[in-house]
Every structure is written in structure tokens, then in C-alpha cells.
């Protein structure tokens, strides 16, 4: 799959920043790499559900970056999902950050409280659908998946994720803290960059 020029450029830049990832986080990410590698070796499709509290920011960014990373490294099929302990909406600041990183975004049902976004990083793909949902709502898997917890609140609320065969916690700072401050663009870009960098690192090890 050929990635859009801008998305490819950002992936290449983030790949050069792996040395910015602390060693303890690399150890956690390697365990995700091992899970993905194991599923592929067994002839199975790895399925990853990225979970935070409201499924509005970090979990979406994580799932989308992981899907793009799988394509960037030309891996066999990998399915990524996102969910929360509650459903709200995919935050527009997070959506805007993805656009700045070269992703193509369109939206349907824009006037609802929970719009459906269609995210693409290649002309050769069916757009990735992103909308807020609970981690166990359709179309998310109910068994045989990895649960990746990206916020401490979700980790505390879901010490056990039903149906998950593998679970890890790798929290990211919530860019929501910048909302209404005038610093949103930089804060959301920083979050998008870190999540993308760490997703690429994990998939580069497969």
C-alpha cells in the first residue's frame, strides 16, 4: 500500500525519533510487538483495541496510527479498534491534528453529537471509520484481542477487559487539558506525534 506523500513524510520523521522514547516505554511497546508477531506466526489476524475513558482523543489517535504503521511497515493484515468506558465524540481538535499529519478526513452525520469520520492515509484503502463508542460496542471485537490502555482512568476502571487475551497499559497525557487555552494546536500535535512515534516503534519491531 502506497501512503499519501505527507503521511509518508511524517512516518519517516517519527521513525527517526525513536531515541526520544524512554527505555521503560520501549519495553512495554516491545511486548505489544511480540503479541502481534505471535499472532502473525500462528496465521491469525492481530486485533488491537485501544481504550481510554471517553474514546474521544488518545484512543482514536492510537488506533489510527497503529493501522497506518501496519501499512507503513507492509505487515500482514492487522485490525485496530478504539473504545472507551463511555462514549462521547471524536474530539475535533484531535481530528484536526490528524489532518496536519497528512491524514485525509471526511465526515458524515456531522450534525449529530457523535459524528462518523472517515480517515484515509492511502488511495488504496477503504477509509477507516472513527466514531466514539464503548470498548465492547460493535464493531469492536468481544474476544481474542489485545487491549491497549492509553489513560490511567480507563486502566483503573477496567482492571480486567472482558474478552482480551492480552492487555498492557501505556498512558499518554491528555491533550484535553489545553482546550480553551489557545495552545490547542501545539498540544494536540505533540500528543499526535508521541502516539504516532510509539505506534511506529511497536510495529517496526514486528
Foldseek 3Di string as FASTA:
>chain_A
DDFDPLLLVLLVVLQVVLVVDDPVLLVQLQVVLVVCVVCVVVVHAAEEEEEEAALAALRVLLQVLLQVLCVSVVHPHHHYHYAHQHYFEHDPLRVVLVVVSPWDWDWDPVVDRWIWIFIDGDPPDGTDIGTYHHCCDPPHDQADHEYEYAAVVRCVVPVDRGRHPHYDYDHDDDLVVCPPVVCSNVSSNVSSSVSSSSSNSSNVSD
